[in-house]
Amino acid sequence: MIQLPRMPYRVNLASLPTPLRKLSRISREIGGPDIWLKSDDMTGSLLSGNKVRKLEFLLADALSKGADTIITCGGIQSNHCRATALACAQLGLRCELLLREGDFPRPSGIGQSKAEGNLFLDAMAGANIHIYPKDDYVRHQLQLFREVEGKLKAEGARPYSIPTGGSNGIGVWGYLHGGLELQQDCNSAGFVPDTVICASGSGGTQAGLTLAQYFAVPAKKSRVLGFAVCDNSEWFNRKVARDVAQWGEHAGLDESDRAALAGALQISTIDDYIGPGYAKPYPQMLAMIRQLAALEGVVLDPVYTGKAFYGMVSEIRKGRFADMQNLVFVHTGGSFGLYPYARELLDTE
């Protein structure tokens, strides 16, 4: 058994620990195991969501290397980009956002009253926003990073680049830390979850939670199940394994320990609930979001948590978890991304 390495320094951005509570009414409504909610939508008021946990370690690394400017990327309504922009404002760092068109509803114009949700908050936080057509963004993302990095260096800035969703070997520390926190929560509540469930958009949250289960203290380990919101299960299984491998290098594990860890991890992803595509809603999922808000006062988003929660409920009804007693759903936030979808959510006719 590999010993848990010492965690690196992190900047304190999130309000931790986040609450864990049982969703009794929706559990009774559905039947099956008890559903518990780990409320990582409550990591902060504006810095809410899972991305903040990763940024605590990523921005600490950036500051340790003398960076004064952060570059990162995502969709027009990226939760990660919004959290990065606001965290940079708190820390006195310049922020450059490379945003992708084509996935989210987007009124024309930024820096105007028409900007909504996360995009509005990006602008409010003073981020320098670059918007690219989807095809250019997908095909030339590394080149776009290099171009912005080169321009900044020519101006005398010291840039530090963060990948999509903050999901790399350093970002994994965020949900290794979060997964260990969750274990303490569950121990205090008197149970060990049979399965821990999360949405997977870039893989880093799933990677950290999966890694945390390896280092779990109880003899009984929890399974981690990711619900893909883009790509497919094979892609996510490879991405999680790659992020964990990068984490092992960053943590200083030798080659034999990294190989042992890779062989011991159980990585599992379901890709049946993506629907028409990334950030594209569908009626059953929207109905689930409305039902949970009305029953439990829990607000999901249509891009990540809505699809994952709908997928979990669908799998409960199919009998996947019939032999289990407790499921934990990790609410990774995203409420600001709701606003562009208000019409789809409220128009039930």
Foldseek 3Di string as FASTA:
>chain_A
DDDDFDADAFADDFDDDADKAWLVQVCVVLDAATEIERQQQRRDDQLGFLLVLLNRQVVVVCVVVVAQEEEEEEALQDSNLLNVLQVCLVVNHAYEYEYEPDQFDADDDAPDPRGAFSSPSSVVSPHHYHYDYRVCCVVCVVVVVVVVCVVCVVVVGGYDYAYPSSQALRSLSSLLVVLLSVLVNVVVVPDAFQEEEWEDEQQSNLLNNQVNQVVDDDPDGHHYEYEYLADAFVVNQVRSLRRNLRNCVVSPHDPVVNVVSSVPTDYYYHHPQNPPHANDADDQLLVQQVVCCVSPVDHAARGTLSSRVSVVSVVVNVVVNNVTHYYYYYRRHSPSVRVSCVCVNPPPD
